[in-house]
């Protein structure tokens, strides 16, 4: 039973975070290759996602 709960927790909590970190690394490599921005860290990506989420929630009417 614990293994089943752990797998569900892993899919909900840990896996999206790991996918976010991997996608952020790919974005950082792309930006460095194109000489757009050479100092991209994971918290910039997190900040961008939070701003997008804020805009979406404000448009939908949440306060």
Foldseek 3Di string as FASTA:
>chain_A
DVVVVVVVCCVVPPVVVVVLQVVQVVVQVVCVVVVNDNDRDSVVVVVVVVVVVVVVCVVVPHD
